[in-house]
N, C-alpha and C. Protein backbone atom coordinates (compact mmCIF):
# COMPACT_ATOMS: atom_id res chain seq x y z
N MET A 1 -30.71 109.59 7.12
CA MET A 1 -31.15 108.28 6.68
C MET A 1 -29.94 107.36 6.68
N THR A 2 -30.15 106.13 7.20
CA THR A 2 -29.04 105.19 7.29
C THR A 2 -29.46 103.82 6.79
N THR A 3 -28.49 103.06 6.33
CA THR A 3 -28.75 101.66 5.99
C THR A 3 -28.87 100.90 7.30
N ALA A 4 -29.89 100.07 7.38
CA ALA A 4 -30.18 99.39 8.64
C ALA A 4 -29.75 97.93 8.59
N SER A 5 -28.70 97.61 9.32
CA SER A 5 -28.31 96.21 9.43
C SER A 5 -28.61 95.69 10.83
N THR A 6 -28.93 96.61 11.74
CA THR A 6 -29.34 96.22 13.09
C THR A 6 -30.58 97.02 13.42
N GLY A 7 -31.13 96.82 14.62
CA GLY A 7 -32.33 97.56 15.00
C GLY A 7 -33.52 97.14 14.18
N GLY A 8 -34.12 98.09 13.47
CA GLY A 8 -35.29 97.79 12.65
C GLY A 8 -35.01 96.81 11.54
N GLY A 9 -33.83 96.93 10.90
CA GLY A 9 -33.48 95.99 9.85
C GLY A 9 -33.41 94.57 10.37
N GLU A 10 -32.90 94.42 11.57
CA GLU A 10 -32.85 93.10 12.21
C GLU A 10 -34.27 92.54 12.40
N LEU A 11 -35.21 93.40 12.79
CA LEU A 11 -36.60 92.96 12.95
C LEU A 11 -37.16 92.44 11.63
N ILE A 12 -36.88 93.13 10.55
CA ILE A 12 -37.38 92.70 9.25
C ILE A 12 -36.78 91.35 8.87
N HIS A 13 -35.49 91.19 9.06
CA HIS A 13 -34.85 89.91 8.74
C HIS A 13 -35.44 88.78 9.58
N ARG A 14 -35.70 89.04 10.85
CA ARG A 14 -36.31 88.03 11.72
C ARG A 14 -37.73 87.71 11.27
N LEU A 15 -38.48 88.74 10.87
CA LEU A 15 -39.85 88.53 10.38
C LEU A 15 -39.86 87.65 9.14
N LEU A 16 -39.02 87.98 8.18
CA LEU A 16 -38.99 87.19 6.94
C LEU A 16 -38.55 85.76 7.19
N ALA A 17 -37.60 85.57 8.10
CA ALA A 17 -37.17 84.21 8.44
C ALA A 17 -38.30 83.44 9.10
N ALA A 18 -39.00 84.06 10.03
CA ALA A 18 -40.12 83.38 10.71
C ALA A 18 -41.25 83.08 9.74
N ALA A 19 -41.59 84.05 8.89
CA ALA A 19 -42.68 83.85 7.92
C ALA A 19 -42.31 82.78 6.90
N GLY A 20 -41.06 82.79 6.46
CA GLY A 20 -40.61 81.82 5.46
C GLY A 20 -40.56 80.40 5.98
N SER A 21 -40.41 80.24 7.29
CA SER A 21 -40.30 78.90 7.87
C SER A 21 -41.51 78.51 8.71
N GLY A 22 -42.50 79.40 8.81
CA GLY A 22 -43.70 79.09 9.58
C GLY A 22 -43.46 79.06 11.08
N LYS A 23 -42.47 79.78 11.57
CA LYS A 23 -42.17 79.82 13.01
C LYS A 23 -42.98 80.96 13.65
N TRP A 24 -44.28 80.75 13.69
CA TRP A 24 -45.22 81.78 14.15
C TRP A 24 -45.02 82.14 15.62
N GLU A 25 -44.48 81.21 16.40
CA GLU A 25 -44.27 81.46 17.83
C GLU A 25 -43.24 82.58 18.07
N GLU A 26 -42.45 82.91 17.06
CA GLU A 26 -41.45 83.97 17.19
C GLU A 26 -42.03 85.36 16.98
N LEU A 27 -43.23 85.45 16.43
CA LEU A 27 -43.79 86.74 16.04
C LEU A 27 -44.05 87.72 17.18
N PRO A 28 -44.49 87.28 18.37
CA PRO A 28 -44.72 88.28 19.42
C PRO A 28 -43.49 89.10 19.81
N ASP A 29 -42.30 88.58 19.58
CA ASP A 29 -41.08 89.34 19.86
C ASP A 29 -40.70 90.28 18.71
N ILE A 30 -41.36 90.10 17.55
CA ILE A 30 -41.02 90.85 16.35
C ILE A 30 -42.11 91.87 16.00
N LEU A 31 -43.36 91.46 16.15
CA LEU A 31 -44.49 92.28 15.74
C LEU A 31 -45.20 92.89 16.95
N HIS A 32 -45.59 94.13 16.81
CA HIS A 32 -46.43 94.81 17.80
C HIS A 32 -47.76 94.06 17.87
N PRO A 33 -48.40 93.99 19.04
CA PRO A 33 -49.69 93.28 19.12
C PRO A 33 -50.74 93.79 18.13
N ASP A 34 -50.67 95.07 17.79
CA ASP A 34 -51.62 95.65 16.83
C ASP A 34 -51.00 95.80 15.44
N PHE A 35 -50.03 94.95 15.13
CA PHE A 35 -49.38 95.00 13.82
C PHE A 35 -50.44 95.05 12.73
N THR A 36 -50.24 95.97 11.79
CA THR A 36 -51.17 96.13 10.67
C THR A 36 -50.38 96.03 9.38
N ILE A 37 -50.84 95.15 8.48
CA ILE A 37 -50.21 95.00 7.17
C ILE A 37 -51.27 95.25 6.11
N ILE A 38 -50.88 96.03 5.10
CA ILE A 38 -51.77 96.33 3.99
C ILE A 38 -51.17 95.70 2.74
N GLU A 39 -51.94 94.78 2.15
CA GLU A 39 -51.55 94.10 0.92
C GLU A 39 -52.36 94.68 -0.24
N PRO A 40 -51.86 94.62 -1.46
CA PRO A 40 -52.60 95.18 -2.60
C PRO A 40 -54.02 94.60 -2.68
N ARG A 41 -54.99 95.47 -2.77
CA ARG A 41 -56.40 95.05 -2.77
C ARG A 41 -56.77 94.23 -4.00
N SER A 42 -56.00 94.32 -5.06
CA SER A 42 -56.30 93.57 -6.28
C SER A 42 -56.05 92.07 -6.12
N LEU A 43 -55.34 91.67 -5.06
CA LEU A 43 -55.04 90.25 -4.84
C LEU A 43 -56.10 89.63 -3.95
N PRO A 44 -56.34 88.32 -4.08
CA PRO A 44 -57.38 87.67 -3.27
C PRO A 44 -57.17 87.83 -1.76
N TRP A 45 -55.95 87.94 -1.33
CA TRP A 45 -55.65 88.11 0.09
C TRP A 45 -55.42 89.57 0.46
N GLY A 46 -55.68 90.47 -0.49
CA GLY A 46 -55.41 91.88 -0.30
C GLY A 46 -56.30 92.53 0.74
N GLY A 47 -55.88 93.69 1.18
CA GLY A 47 -56.62 94.46 2.15
C GLY A 47 -55.78 94.71 3.39
N THR A 48 -56.46 95.15 4.44
CA THR A 48 -55.80 95.49 5.70
C THR A 48 -56.00 94.36 6.69
N HIS A 49 -54.92 93.90 7.28
CA HIS A 49 -54.92 92.80 8.25
C HIS A 49 -54.33 93.33 9.54
N VAL A 50 -55.08 93.20 10.64
CA VAL A 50 -54.67 93.79 11.92
C VAL A 50 -54.46 92.70 12.96
N GLY A 51 -53.32 92.74 13.62
CA GLY A 51 -53.00 91.80 14.69
C GLY A 51 -52.12 90.66 14.21
N ILE A 52 -51.43 90.07 15.16
CA ILE A 52 -50.51 88.97 14.84
C ILE A 52 -51.26 87.77 14.28
N ASP A 53 -52.40 87.43 14.88
CA ASP A 53 -53.17 86.28 14.38
C ASP A 53 -53.62 86.51 12.94
N SER A 54 -54.02 87.74 12.64
CA SER A 54 -54.44 88.06 11.28
C SER A 54 -53.26 87.94 10.30
N TYR A 55 -52.06 88.33 10.75
CA TYR A 55 -50.87 88.18 9.92
C TYR A 55 -50.59 86.70 9.63
N VAL A 56 -50.71 85.86 10.65
CA VAL A 56 -50.49 84.42 10.48
C VAL A 56 -51.52 83.87 9.49
N THR A 57 -52.77 84.27 9.62
CA THR A 57 -53.81 83.82 8.69
C THR A 57 -53.49 84.25 7.27
N LEU A 58 -53.06 85.50 7.11
CA LEU A 58 -52.67 86.01 5.79
C LEU A 58 -51.57 85.15 5.19
N MET A 59 -50.51 84.94 5.95
CA MET A 59 -49.36 84.22 5.42
C MET A 59 -49.68 82.75 5.15
N THR A 60 -50.47 82.12 5.99
CA THR A 60 -50.83 80.72 5.74
C THR A 60 -51.77 80.61 4.55
N THR A 61 -52.59 81.63 4.32
CA THR A 61 -53.46 81.64 3.14
C THR A 61 -52.61 81.71 1.87
N ILE A 62 -51.64 82.60 1.86
CA ILE A 62 -50.75 82.70 0.69
C ILE A 62 -49.95 81.41 0.53
N ALA A 63 -49.44 80.88 1.64
CA ALA A 63 -48.59 79.67 1.60
C ALA A 63 -49.37 78.42 1.20
N ALA A 64 -50.68 78.45 1.28
CA ALA A 64 -51.46 77.30 0.82
C ALA A 64 -51.34 77.13 -0.69
N THR A 65 -51.11 78.23 -1.39
CA THR A 65 -50.98 78.21 -2.84
C THR A 65 -49.53 78.30 -3.30
N PHE A 66 -48.76 79.14 -2.62
CA PHE A 66 -47.39 79.42 -3.07
C PHE A 66 -46.36 79.09 -1.98
N ALA A 67 -45.27 78.47 -2.37
CA ALA A 67 -44.07 78.45 -1.52
C ALA A 67 -43.42 79.81 -1.71
N LEU A 68 -42.98 80.41 -0.62
CA LEU A 68 -42.40 81.75 -0.67
C LEU A 68 -40.92 81.72 -0.38
N ASP A 69 -40.17 82.50 -1.15
CA ASP A 69 -38.74 82.67 -0.90
C ASP A 69 -38.46 84.16 -0.89
N PHE A 70 -37.99 84.68 0.25
CA PHE A 70 -37.71 86.10 0.43
C PHE A 70 -36.21 86.36 0.27
N ARG A 71 -35.84 87.31 -0.58
CA ARG A 71 -34.44 87.72 -0.75
C ARG A 71 -34.36 89.22 -0.49
N THR A 72 -33.77 89.57 0.64
CA THR A 72 -33.60 90.98 0.98
C THR A 72 -32.48 91.57 0.14
N GLU A 73 -32.75 92.70 -0.49
CA GLU A 73 -31.72 93.42 -1.24
C GLU A 73 -31.14 94.53 -0.38
N TRP A 74 -32.00 95.30 0.28
CA TRP A 74 -31.53 96.31 1.20
C TRP A 74 -32.66 96.78 2.10
N VAL A 75 -32.27 97.37 3.22
CA VAL A 75 -33.19 98.00 4.16
C VAL A 75 -32.60 99.35 4.52
N VAL A 76 -33.43 100.37 4.48
CA VAL A 76 -33.02 101.72 4.87
C VAL A 76 -33.91 102.18 6.01
N ARG A 77 -33.30 102.82 7.00
CA ARG A 77 -34.04 103.31 8.16
C ARG A 77 -33.94 104.83 8.23
N ASP A 78 -35.05 105.45 8.57
CA ASP A 78 -35.11 106.88 8.85
C ASP A 78 -35.99 107.03 10.09
N GLY A 79 -35.37 107.13 11.25
CA GLY A 79 -36.13 107.19 12.51
C GLY A 79 -36.90 105.91 12.73
N ASP A 80 -38.21 106.04 12.87
CA ASP A 80 -39.07 104.87 13.09
C ASP A 80 -39.63 104.30 11.79
N HIS A 81 -39.07 104.70 10.66
CA HIS A 81 -39.54 104.23 9.36
C HIS A 81 -38.45 103.40 8.69
N LEU A 82 -38.88 102.29 8.08
CA LEU A 82 -37.97 101.40 7.37
C LEU A 82 -38.51 101.13 5.98
N VAL A 83 -37.60 101.03 5.03
CA VAL A 83 -37.97 100.65 3.67
C VAL A 83 -37.18 99.39 3.33
N LEU A 84 -37.90 98.36 2.91
CA LEU A 84 -37.30 97.10 2.49
C LEU A 84 -37.44 96.98 0.99
N ARG A 85 -36.34 96.66 0.31
CA ARG A 85 -36.38 96.29 -1.11
C ARG A 85 -36.00 94.82 -1.15
N ALA A 86 -36.90 94.02 -1.68
CA ALA A 86 -36.68 92.57 -1.70
C ALA A 86 -37.17 91.98 -3.01
N THR A 87 -36.77 90.76 -3.23
CA THR A 87 -37.34 89.96 -4.30
C THR A 87 -38.02 88.77 -3.64
N VAL A 88 -39.28 88.60 -3.96
CA VAL A 88 -40.05 87.48 -3.41
C VAL A 88 -40.38 86.55 -4.57
N THR A 89 -40.03 85.28 -4.41
CA THR A 89 -40.40 84.29 -5.41
C THR A 89 -41.61 83.52 -4.89
N PHE A 90 -42.66 83.55 -5.68
CA PHE A 90 -43.90 82.82 -5.39
C PHE A 90 -43.90 81.60 -6.30
N THR A 91 -43.76 80.40 -5.72
CA THR A 91 -43.75 79.17 -6.51
C THR A 91 -45.03 78.40 -6.25
N ASP A 92 -45.81 78.20 -7.32
CA ASP A 92 -47.08 77.49 -7.21
C ASP A 92 -46.82 76.07 -6.72
N ARG A 93 -47.45 75.71 -5.62
CA ARG A 93 -47.23 74.39 -5.02
C ARG A 93 -47.74 73.27 -5.93
N ALA A 94 -48.76 73.53 -6.73
CA ALA A 94 -49.34 72.49 -7.58
C ALA A 94 -48.54 72.28 -8.86
N THR A 95 -48.05 73.36 -9.46
CA THR A 95 -47.41 73.24 -10.77
C THR A 95 -45.90 73.41 -10.74
N GLY A 96 -45.38 74.04 -9.69
CA GLY A 96 -43.96 74.34 -9.63
C GLY A 96 -43.57 75.60 -10.39
N ASN A 97 -44.53 76.23 -11.05
CA ASN A 97 -44.26 77.48 -11.77
C ASN A 97 -44.03 78.61 -10.77
N GLY A 98 -43.10 79.48 -11.10
CA GLY A 98 -42.77 80.56 -10.19
C GLY A 98 -42.92 81.94 -10.79
N VAL A 99 -43.17 82.90 -9.91
CA VAL A 99 -43.20 84.31 -10.27
C VAL A 99 -42.19 85.01 -9.38
N VAL A 100 -41.22 85.68 -9.98
CA VAL A 100 -40.22 86.44 -9.24
C VAL A 100 -40.71 87.88 -9.18
N MET A 101 -40.94 88.38 -7.96
CA MET A 101 -41.59 89.66 -7.80
C MET A 101 -40.72 90.67 -7.05
N PRO A 102 -40.23 91.71 -7.74
CA PRO A 102 -39.59 92.81 -7.02
C PRO A 102 -40.63 93.44 -6.10
N THR A 103 -40.22 93.69 -4.86
CA THR A 103 -41.16 94.14 -3.83
C THR A 103 -40.54 95.25 -3.00
N VAL A 104 -41.36 96.21 -2.64
CA VAL A 104 -40.98 97.24 -1.67
C VAL A 104 -41.98 97.16 -0.54
N GLU A 105 -41.48 97.22 0.69
CA GLU A 105 -42.35 97.18 1.86
C GLU A 105 -41.95 98.31 2.78
N LEU A 106 -42.95 99.10 3.18
CA LEU A 106 -42.73 100.23 4.08
C LEU A 106 -43.17 99.83 5.48
N PHE A 107 -42.27 99.96 6.44
CA PHE A 107 -42.56 99.57 7.82
C PHE A 107 -42.46 100.77 8.75
N THR A 108 -43.18 100.69 9.87
CA THR A 108 -42.92 101.57 11.00
C THR A 108 -42.61 100.69 12.20
N VAL A 109 -41.85 101.27 13.13
CA VAL A 109 -41.44 100.58 14.35
C VAL A 109 -42.03 101.34 15.54
N ALA A 110 -42.57 100.59 16.50
CA ALA A 110 -43.06 101.17 17.76
C ALA A 110 -42.78 100.19 18.88
N ASP A 111 -42.32 100.71 20.00
CA ASP A 111 -42.05 99.88 21.18
C ASP A 111 -41.09 98.73 20.87
N GLY A 112 -40.14 98.97 19.96
CA GLY A 112 -39.13 97.98 19.64
C GLY A 112 -39.60 96.84 18.76
N ARG A 113 -40.80 96.98 18.17
CA ARG A 113 -41.34 95.94 17.29
C ARG A 113 -41.93 96.58 16.04
N LEU A 114 -42.09 95.77 15.00
CA LEU A 114 -42.70 96.27 13.77
C LEU A 114 -44.18 96.55 14.04
N ARG A 115 -44.63 97.76 13.67
CA ARG A 115 -46.00 98.19 13.97
C ARG A 115 -46.88 98.16 12.73
N THR A 116 -46.35 98.61 11.58
CA THR A 116 -47.14 98.62 10.35
C THR A 116 -46.28 98.19 9.17
N SER A 117 -46.97 97.75 8.13
CA SER A 117 -46.33 97.37 6.87
C SER A 117 -47.27 97.67 5.72
N GLU A 118 -46.74 98.29 4.68
CA GLU A 118 -47.48 98.48 3.43
C GLU A 118 -46.66 97.79 2.34
N VAL A 119 -47.29 96.86 1.62
CA VAL A 119 -46.60 96.03 0.64
C VAL A 119 -46.92 96.53 -0.78
N TYR A 120 -45.86 96.69 -1.58
CA TYR A 120 -46.01 97.11 -2.96
C TYR A 120 -45.26 96.14 -3.87
N PHE A 121 -46.02 95.43 -4.71
CA PHE A 121 -45.43 94.51 -5.68
C PHE A 121 -45.25 95.23 -7.02
N ALA A 122 -44.16 94.94 -7.71
CA ALA A 122 -43.90 95.57 -9.00
C ALA A 122 -44.97 95.22 -10.02
N ASP A 123 -45.52 94.01 -9.96
CA ASP A 123 -46.49 93.57 -10.97
C ASP A 123 -47.53 92.64 -10.35
N PRO A 124 -48.50 93.19 -9.62
CA PRO A 124 -49.53 92.33 -9.01
C PRO A 124 -50.30 91.49 -10.03
N MET A 125 -50.39 91.99 -11.27
CA MET A 125 -51.11 91.24 -12.31
C MET A 125 -50.40 89.91 -12.61
N ALA A 126 -49.09 89.87 -12.49
CA ALA A 126 -48.36 88.62 -12.70
C ALA A 126 -48.73 87.60 -11.63
N LEU A 127 -48.95 88.07 -10.41
CA LEU A 127 -49.40 87.16 -9.35
C LEU A 127 -50.81 86.67 -9.63
N LEU A 128 -51.69 87.57 -10.05
CA LEU A 128 -53.06 87.15 -10.37
C LEU A 128 -53.05 86.11 -11.48
N ALA A 129 -52.22 86.30 -12.48
CA ALA A 129 -52.14 85.35 -13.60
C ALA A 129 -51.62 84.00 -13.14
N ALA A 130 -50.82 83.97 -12.09
CA ALA A 130 -50.24 82.72 -11.59
C ALA A 130 -51.18 81.95 -10.68
N LEU A 131 -52.25 82.60 -10.23
CA LEU A 131 -53.17 81.94 -9.31
C LEU A 131 -53.98 80.86 -10.00
N PRO A 132 -54.23 79.76 -9.30
CA PRO A 132 -55.14 78.76 -9.85
C PRO A 132 -56.53 79.36 -10.03
N ALA A 133 -57.30 78.82 -10.95
CA ALA A 133 -58.64 79.35 -11.24
C ALA A 133 -59.54 79.34 -10.02
N ALA A 134 -59.30 78.44 -9.06
CA ALA A 134 -60.16 78.31 -7.89
C ALA A 134 -60.00 79.45 -6.90
N CYS A 135 -58.93 80.24 -7.02
CA CYS A 135 -58.68 81.32 -6.04
C CYS A 135 -59.51 82.54 -6.29
C-alpha cells in the first residue's frame, strides 16, 4: 500500500477540481464512461448513479443547494483501489450556513480512469438537518 500523489491520486485531485468548479468537459479524461458513484441513501440525492452524465446531474443537484469546498487530507492506493480522506464543506446558498463533513471515498481505477466511487460521510444526519424544508 502506498500514498498516492500521482496516478490514481492525481485522478481524484482532478475530479475534485473539476467538480468544485463545474468544469464538466474535463470529466471524460478522468471518469470511465460507466463511472458509478454510490451516495448515502438517506440523503435526497442518495443512491447509485451510473455514467458521466448521471454524475454531472448528481453534482449539479447538490450544488443547487450547497456551495461545495473539497479539502483532500490524504489518498492511499493499493493496486486499482484508492481511499480518499477529505473534508467537504457544504455551505447553504440561501443562508450561508455551513456543515463541515469528514468524508471517506473509496475508488477503483480501470483503463486509467476512475471507475467506481462509494461515499461515506461521518454524519449524514447533519447534512439532512442543513437541507431546506423543500428538499
